[in-house]
Amino acid sequence: MTQPNGTVTVGDVMSSGVIDAAPQTSLLAIAAQMAERGVHCVVVDGLARGPAGSEELVWGIVSDMDLISAAAAS
């Protein structure tokens, strides 16, 4: 929803929920997930062991442009 002052927020345009994958997931599997869910990126995460136990960490994202670059390089 556009704010009263005419601005558009991130919440107005974002997709809800987070699509994630492990670093060892194939790019083909990532591309299939993105196409199936109609999203343009997937969060790459992993588990880190720390004093407090296991914590999920975001390592980065894979975007549709990353997939295009990888395909062009092959």
PDB file of N, CA and C in Angstrom:
ATOM      1  N   MET A   1       0.846  -1.169   0.000  1.00  0.00           N
ATOM      2  CA  MET A   1       0.000   0.000   0.000  1.00  0.00           C
ATOM      3  C   MET A   1       0.896   1.238   0.000  1.00  0.00           C
ATOM      4  N   THR A   2       0.614   2.160  -0.855  1.00  0.00           N
ATOM      5  CA  THR A   2       1.362   3.409  -0.900  1.00  0.00           C
ATOM      6  C   THR A   2       1.040   4.229   0.344  1.00  0.00           C
ATOM      7  N   GLN A   3       2.075   4.810   0.932  1.00  0.00           N
ATOM      8  CA  GLN A   3       1.921   5.622   2.136  1.00  0.00           C
ATOM      9  C   GLN A   3       1.239   6.948   1.781  1.00  0.00           C
ATOM     10  N   PRO A   4       0.664   7.624   2.780  1.00  0.00           N
ATOM     11  CA  PRO A   4      -0.016   8.898   2.522  1.00  0.00           C
ATOM     12  C   PRO A   4       0.867   9.933   1.822  1.00  0.00           C
ATOM     13  N   ASN A   5       2.172   9.885   2.053  1.00  0.00           N
ATOM     14  CA  ASN A   5       3.054  10.866   1.423  1.00  0.00           C
ATOM     15  C   ASN A   5       3.472  10.444   0.012  1.00  0.00           C
ATOM     16  N   GLY A   6       2.919   9.328  -0.482  1.00  0.00           N
ATOM     17  CA  GLY A   6       3.208   8.884  -1.839  1.00  0.00           C
ATOM     18  C   GLY A   6       4.370   7.927  -1.975  1.00  0.00           C
ATOM     19  N   THR A   7       5.047   7.638  -0.873  1.00  0.00           N
ATOM     20  CA  THR A   7       6.195   6.730  -0.955  1.00  0.00           C
ATOM     21  C   THR A   7       5.732   5.272  -0.933  1.00  0.00           C
ATOM     22  N   VAL A   8       6.532   4.426  -1.499  1.00  0.00           N
ATOM     23  CA  VAL A   8       6.283   2.989  -1.489  1.00  0.00           C
ATOM     24  C   VAL A   8       7.363   2.358  -0.627  1.00  0.00           C
ATOM     25  N   THR A   9       6.973   1.471   0.275  1.00  0.00           N
ATOM     26  CA  THR A   9       7.928   0.844   1.176  1.00  0.00           C
ATOM     27  C   THR A   9       8.334  -0.543   0.672  1.00  0.00           C
ATOM     28  N   VAL A  10       9.392  -1.076   1.259  1.00  0.00           N
ATOM     29  CA  VAL A  10       9.832  -2.434   0.939  1.00  0.00           C
ATOM     30  C   VAL A  10       8.702  -3.422   1.204  1.00  0.00           C
ATOM     31  N   GLY A  11       8.008  -3.246   2.301  1.00  0.00           N
ATOM     32  CA  GLY A  11       6.896  -4.127   2.652  1.00  0.00           C
ATOM     33  C   GLY A  11       5.790  -4.140   1.615  1.00  0.00           C
ATOM     34  N   ASP A  12       5.670  -3.057   0.861  1.00  0.00           N
ATOM     35  CA  ASP A  12       4.645  -2.971  -0.178  1.00  0.00           C
ATOM     36  C   ASP A  12       4.950  -3.876  -1.364  1.00  0.00           C
ATOM     37  N   VAL A  13       6.221  -4.128  -1.622  1.00  0.00           N
ATOM     38  CA  VAL A  13       6.589  -4.843  -2.843  1.00  0.00           C
ATOM     39  C   VAL A  13       7.226  -6.209  -2.610  1.00  0.00           C
ATOM     40  N   MET A  14       7.520  -6.543  -1.368  1.00  0.00           N
ATOM     41  CA  MET A  14       8.232  -7.787  -1.094  1.00  0.00           C
ATOM     42  C   MET A  14       7.317  -9.007  -1.172  1.00  0.00           C
ATOM     43  N   SER A  15       7.958 -10.167  -1.352  1.00  0.00           N
ATOM     44  CA  SER A  15       7.271 -11.441  -1.232  1.00  0.00           C
ATOM     45  C   SER A  15       7.376 -11.873   0.220  1.00  0.00           C
ATOM     46  N   SER A  16       6.320 -12.466   0.743  1.00  0.00           N
ATOM     47  CA  SER A  16       6.401 -12.914   2.138  1.00  0.00           C
ATOM     48  C   SER A  16       7.012 -14.304   2.199  1.00  0.00           C
ATOM     49  N   GLY A  17       7.627 -14.601   3.319  1.00  0.00           N
ATOM     50  CA  GLY A  17       8.305 -15.875   3.488  1.00  0.00           C
ATOM     51  C   GLY A  17       9.697 -15.822   2.908  1.00  0.00           C
ATOM     52  N   VAL A  18      10.555 -16.722   3.351  1.00  0.00           N
ATOM     53  CA  VAL A  18      11.936 -16.764   2.882  1.00  0.00           C
ATOM     54  C   VAL A  18      12.184 -18.132   2.263  1.00  0.00           C
ATOM     55  N   ILE A  19      12.671 -18.125   1.038  1.00  0.00           N
ATOM     56  CA  ILE A  19      13.066 -19.353   0.375  1.00  0.00           C
ATOM     57  C   ILE A  19      14.563 -19.505   0.622  1.00  0.00           C
ATOM     58  N   ASP A  20      14.975 -20.649   1.187  1.00  0.00           N
ATOM     59  CA  ASP A  20      16.386 -20.808   1.497  1.00  0.00           C
ATOM     60  C   ASP A  20      16.927 -22.123   0.947  1.00  0.00           C
ATOM     61  N   ALA A  21      18.239 -22.196   0.882  1.00  0.00           N
ATOM     62  CA  ALA A  21      18.926 -23.385   0.391  1.00  0.00           C
ATOM     63  C   ALA A  21      20.287 -23.474   1.055  1.00  0.00           C
ATOM     64  N   ALA A  22      20.813 -24.689   1.118  1.00  0.00           N
ATOM     65  CA  ALA A  22      22.150 -24.917   1.657  1.00  0.00           C
ATOM     66  C   ALA A  22      23.187 -24.579   0.592  1.00  0.00           C
ATOM     67  N   PRO A  23      24.414 -24.251   1.000  1.00  0.00           N
ATOM     68  CA  PRO A  23      25.459 -23.890   0.035  1.00  0.00           C
ATOM     69  C   PRO A  23      25.757 -24.984  -0.992  1.00  0.00           C
ATOM     70  N   GLN A  24      25.532 -26.229  -0.648  1.00  0.00           N
ATOM     71  CA  GLN A  24      25.834 -27.319  -1.570  1.00  0.00           C
ATOM     72  C   GLN A  24      24.697 -27.634  -2.545  1.00  0.00           C
ATOM     73  N   THR A  25      23.606 -26.887  -2.509  1.00  0.00           N
ATOM     74  CA  THR A  25      22.486 -27.082  -3.429  1.00  0.00           C
ATOM     75  C   THR A  25      22.911 -26.728  -4.848  1.00  0.00           C
ATOM     76  N   SER A  26      22.501 -27.527  -5.825  1.00  0.00           N
ATOM     77  CA  SER A  26      22.873 -27.261  -7.213  1.00  0.00           C
ATOM     78  C   SER A  26      22.143 -26.026  -7.740  1.00  0.00           C
ATOM     79  N   LEU A  27      22.779 -25.347  -8.692  1.00  0.00           N
ATOM     80  CA  LEU A  27      22.133 -24.177  -9.299  1.00  0.00           C
ATOM     81  C   LEU A  27      20.857 -24.569 -10.029  1.00  0.00           C
ATOM     82  N   LEU A  28      20.824 -25.775 -10.595  1.00  0.00           N
ATOM     83  CA  LEU A  28      19.617 -26.256 -11.266  1.00  0.00           C
ATOM     84  C   LEU A  28      18.456 -26.368 -10.277  1.00  0.00           C
ATOM     85  N   ALA A  29      18.722 -26.875  -9.086  1.00  0.00           N
ATOM     86  CA  ALA A  29      17.684 -26.978  -8.054  1.00  0.00           C
ATOM     87  C   ALA A  29      17.228 -25.599  -7.601  1.00  0.00           C
ATOM     88  N   ILE A  30      18.172 -24.672  -7.460  1.00  0.00           N
ATOM     89  CA  ILE A  30      17.829 -23.293  -7.077  1.00  0.00           C
ATOM     90  C   ILE A  30      16.937 -22.663  -8.148  1.00  0.00           C
ATOM     91  N   ALA A  31      17.317 -22.823  -9.413  1.00  0.00           N
ATOM     92  CA  ALA A  31      16.537 -22.256 -10.518  1.00  0.00           C
ATOM     93  C   ALA A  31      15.118 -22.828 -10.524  1.00  0.00           C
ATOM     94  N   ALA A  32      14.992 -24.117 -10.272  1.00  0.00           N
ATOM     95  CA  ALA A  32      13.668 -24.753 -10.248  1.00  0.00           C
ATOM     96  C   ALA A  32      12.823 -24.187  -9.110  1.00  0.00           C
ATOM     97  N   GLN A  33      13.435 -24.010  -7.931  1.00  0.00           N
ATOM     98  CA  GLN A  33      12.714 -23.430  -6.789  1.00  0.00           C
ATOM     99  C   GLN A  33      12.230 -22.021  -7.102  1.00  0.00           C
ATOM    100  N   MET A  34      13.109 -21.231  -7.702  1.00  0.00           N
ATOM    101  CA  MET A  34      12.764 -19.844  -8.011  1.00  0.00           C
ATOM    102  C   MET A  34      11.626 -19.783  -9.015  1.00  0.00           C
ATOM    103  N   ALA A  35      11.679 -20.624 -10.036  1.00  0.00           N
ATOM    104  CA  ALA A  35      10.618 -20.631 -11.047  1.00  0.00           C
ATOM    105  C   ALA A  35       9.299 -21.094 -10.454  1.00  0.00           C
ATOM    106  N   GLU A  36       9.357 -22.131  -9.633  1.00  0.00           N
ATOM    107  CA  GLU A  36       8.141 -22.684  -9.023  1.00  0.00           C
ATOM    108  C   GLU A  36       7.446 -21.679  -8.114  1.00  0.00           C
ATOM    109  N   ARG A  37       8.234 -20.914  -7.394  1.00  0.00           N
ATOM    110  CA  ARG A  37       7.661 -19.987  -6.411  1.00  0.00           C
ATOM    111  C   ARG A  37       7.568 -18.548  -6.904  1.00  0.00           C
ATOM    112  N   GLY A  38       8.062 -18.291  -8.103  1.00  0.00           N
ATOM    113  CA  GLY A  38       7.956 -16.950  -8.673  1.00  0.00           C
ATOM    114  C   GLY A  38       8.761 -15.898  -7.937  1.00  0.00           C
ATOM    115  N   VAL A  39       9.976 -16.279  -7.486  1.00  0.00           N
ATOM    116  CA  VAL A  39      10.839 -15.333  -6.785  1.00  0.00           C
ATOM    117  C   VAL A  39      12.106 -15.098  -7.594  1.00  0.00           C
ATOM    118  N   HIS A  40      12.833 -14.045  -7.254  1.00  0.00           N
ATOM    119  CA  HIS A  40      14.028 -13.666  -7.996  1.00  0.00           C
ATOM    120  C   HIS A  40      15.321 -13.921  -7.239  1.00  0.00           C
ATOM    121  N   CYS A  41      15.209 -14.433  -6.003  1.00  0.00           N
ATOM    122  CA  CYS A  41      16.419 -14.783  -5.262  1.00  0.00           C
ATOM    123  C   CYS A  41      16.094 -15.807  -4.188  1.00  0.00           C
ATOM    124  N   VAL A  42      17.137 -16.508  -3.754  1.00  0.00           N
ATOM    125  CA  VAL A  42      17.046 -17.512  -2.698  1.00  0.00           C
ATOM    126  C   VAL A  42      18.154 -17.213  -1.690  1.00  0.00           C
ATOM    127  N   VAL A  43      17.838 -17.284  -0.417  1.00  0.00           N
ATOM    128  CA  VAL A  43      18.809 -17.061   0.649  1.00  0.00           C
ATOM    129  C   VAL A  43      19.640 -18.329   0.830  1.00  0.00           C
ATOM    130  N   VAL A  44      20.961 -18.167   0.911  1.00  0.00           N
ATOM    131  CA  VAL A  44      21.865 -19.287   1.182  1.00  0.00           C
ATOM    132  C   VAL A  44      22.215 -19.231   2.659  1.00  0.00           C
ATOM    133  N   ASP A  45      21.953 -20.341   3.365  1.00  0.00           N
ATOM    134  CA  ASP A  45      22.206 -20.338   4.801  1.00  0.00           C
ATOM    135  C   ASP A  45      22.968 -21.584   5.216  1.00  0.00           C
ATOM    136  N   GLY A  46      23.414 -21.576   6.443  1.00  0.00           N
ATOM    137  CA  GLY A  46      24.138 -22.706   7.005  1.00  0.00           C
ATOM    138  C   GLY A  46      24.049 -22.667   8.507  1.00  0.00           C
ATOM    139  N   LEU A  47      24.606 -23.667   9.142  1.00  0.00           N
ATOM    140  CA  LEU A  47      24.598 -23.704  10.600  1.00  0.00           C
ATOM    141  C   LEU A  47      25.983 -23.408  11.129  1.00  0.00           C
ATOM    142  N   ALA A  48      26.040 -22.597  12.143  1.00  0.00           N
ATOM    143  CA  ALA A  48      27.318 -22.281  12.784  1.00  0.00           C
ATOM    144  C   ALA A  48      27.255 -22.807  14.216  1.00  0.00           C
ATOM    145  N   ARG A  49      28.350 -23.331  14.688  1.00  0.00           N
ATOM    146  CA  ARG A  49      28.416 -23.803  16.079  1.00  0.00           C
ATOM    147  C   ARG A  49      29.084 -22.725  16.910  1.00  0.00           C
ATOM    148  N   GLY A  50      28.430 -22.311  17.929  1.00  0.00           N
ATOM    149  CA  GLY A  50      28.976 -21.286  18.796  1.00  0.00           C
ATOM    150  C   GLY A  50      28.735 -21.656  20.241  1.00  0.00           C
ATOM    151  N   PRO A  51      29.135 -20.798  21.132  1.00  0.00           N
ATOM    152  CA  PRO A  51      28.961 -21.087  22.556  1.00  0.00           C
ATOM    153  C   PRO A  51      27.507 -21.300  22.943  1.00  0.00           C
ATOM    154  N   ALA A  52      26.601 -20.653  22.212  1.00  0.00           N
ATOM    155  CA  ALA A  52      25.178 -20.775  22.539  1.00  0.00           C
ATOM    156  C   ALA A  52      24.532 -21.960  21.826  1.00  0.00           C
ATOM    157  N   GLY A  53      25.296 -22.769  21.087  1.00  0.00           N
ATOM    158  CA  GLY A  53      24.722 -23.893  20.360  1.00  0.00           C
ATOM    159  C   GLY A  53      24.654 -23.599  18.879  1.00  0.00           C
ATOM    160  N   SER A  54      23.654 -24.148  18.211  1.00  0.00           N
ATOM    161  CA  SER A  54      23.517 -23.976  16.766  1.00  0.00           C
ATOM    162  C   SER A  54      22.721 -22.719  16.447  1.00  0.00           C
ATOM    163  N   GLU A  55      23.237 -21.965  15.508  1.00  0.00           N
ATOM    164  CA  GLU A  55      22.530 -20.775  15.045  1.00  0.00           C
ATOM    165  C   GLU A  55      22.534 -20.786  13.536  1.00  0.00           C
ATOM    166  N   GLU A  56      21.404 -20.464  12.929  1.00  0.00           N
ATOM    167  CA  GLU A  56      21.367 -20.346  11.480  1.00  0.00           C
ATOM    168  C   GLU A  56      21.944 -19.011  11.079  1.00  0.00           C
ATOM    169  N   LEU A  57      22.792 -19.036  10.062  1.00  0.00           N
ATOM    170  CA  LEU A  57      23.403 -17.822   9.557  1.00  0.00           C
ATOM    171  C   LEU A  57      23.084 -17.664   8.081  1.00  0.00           C
ATOM    172  N   VAL A  58      22.879 -16.461   7.666  1.00  0.00           N
ATOM    173  CA  VAL A  58      22.716 -16.177   6.244  1.00  0.00           C
ATOM    174  C   VAL A  58      24.099 -15.958   5.665  1.00  0.00           C
ATOM    175  N   TRP A  59      24.450 -16.748   4.637  1.00  0.00           N
ATOM    176  CA  TRP A  59      25.750 -16.622   3.995  1.00  0.00           C
ATOM    177  C   TRP A  59      25.684 -15.687   2.812  1.00  0.00           C
ATOM    178  N   GLY A  60      24.529 -15.569   2.193  1.00  0.00           N
ATOM    179  CA  GLY A  60      24.371 -14.710   1.028  1.00  0.00           C
ATOM    180  C   GLY A  60      23.076 -15.023   0.309  1.00  0.00           C
ATOM    181  N   ILE A  61      22.971 -14.564  -0.929  1.00  0.00           N
ATOM    182  CA  ILE A  61      21.804 -14.865  -1.752  1.00  0.00           C
ATOM    183  C   ILE A  61      22.266 -15.287  -3.139  1.00  0.00           C
ATOM    184  N   VAL A  62      21.418 -16.036  -3.807  1.00  0.00           N
ATOM    185  CA  VAL A  62      21.596 -16.356  -5.221  1.00  0.00           C
ATOM    186  C   VAL A  62      20.417 -15.701  -5.937  1.00  0.00           C
ATOM    187  N   SER A  63      20.720 -14.821  -6.879  1.00  0.00           N
ATOM    188  CA  SER A  63      19.667 -14.108  -7.598  1.00  0.00           C
ATOM    189  C   SER A  63      19.500 -14.667  -9.002  1.00  0.00           C
ATOM    190  N   ASP A  64      18.436 -14.235  -9.662  1.00  0.00           N
ATOM    191  CA  ASP A  64      18.236 -14.657 -11.047  1.00  0.00           C
ATOM    192  C   ASP A  64      19.387 -14.168 -11.932  1.00  0.00           C
ATOM    193  N   MET A  65      19.961 -13.030 -11.620  1.00  0.00           N
ATOM    194  CA  MET A  65      21.116 -12.533 -12.390  1.00  0.00           C
ATOM    195  C   MET A  65      22.341 -13.422 -12.166  1.00  0.00           C
ATOM    196  N   ASP A  66      22.507 -13.974 -10.970  1.00  0.00           N
ATOM    197  CA  ASP A  66      23.594 -14.915 -10.706  1.00  0.00           C
ATOM    198  C   ASP A  66      23.438 -16.159 -11.587  1.00  0.00           C
ATOM    199  N   LEU A  67      22.205 -16.644 -11.710  1.00  0.00           N
ATOM    200  CA  LEU A  67      21.947 -17.808 -12.557  1.00  0.00           C
ATOM    201  C   LEU A  67      22.249 -17.516 -14.026  1.00  0.00           C
ATOM    202  N   ILE A  68      21.870 -16.331 -14.477  1.00  0.00           N
ATOM    203  CA  ILE A  68      22.146 -15.939 -15.868  1.00  0.00           C
ATOM    204  C   ILE A  68      23.644 -15.855 -16.089  1.00  0.00           C
ATOM    205  N   SER A  69      24.367 -15.262 -15.160  1.00  0.00           N
ATOM    206  CA  SER A  69      25.831 -15.147 -15.282  1.00  0.00           C
ATOM    207  C   SER A  69      26.491 -16.520 -15.323  1.00  0.00           C
ATOM    208  N   ALA A  70      26.028 -17.434 -14.453  1.00  0.00           N
ATOM    209  CA  ALA A  70      26.597 -18.784 -14.423  1.00  0.00           C
ATOM    210  C   ALA A  70      26.315 -19.524 -15.722  1.00  0.00           C
ATOM    211  N   ALA A  71      25.116 -19.364 -16.265  1.00  0.00           N
ATOM    212  CA  ALA A  71      24.762 -20.021 -17.535  1.00  0.00           C
ATOM    213  C   ALA A  71      25.591 -19.459 -18.681  1.00  0.00           C
ATOM    214  N   ALA A  72      25.805 -18.161 -18.683  1.00  0.00           N
ATOM    215  CA  ALA A  72      26.588 -17.531 -19.747  1.00  0.00           C
ATOM    216  C   ALA A  72      28.055 -17.962 -19.684  1.00  0.00           C
ATOM    217  N   ALA A  73      28.558 -18.215 -18.487  1.00  0.00           N
ATOM    218  CA  ALA A  73      29.947 -18.618 -18.320  1.00  0.00           C
ATOM    219  C   ALA A  73      30.188 -20.071 -18.731  1.00  0.00           C
ATOM    220  N   SER A  74      29.127 -20.864 -18.772  1.00  0.00           N
ATOM    221  CA  SER A  74      29.277 -22.292 -19.096  1.00  0.00           C
ATOM    222  C   SER A  74      29.346 -22.497 -20.584  1.00  0.00           C
TER     223      SER A  74
END
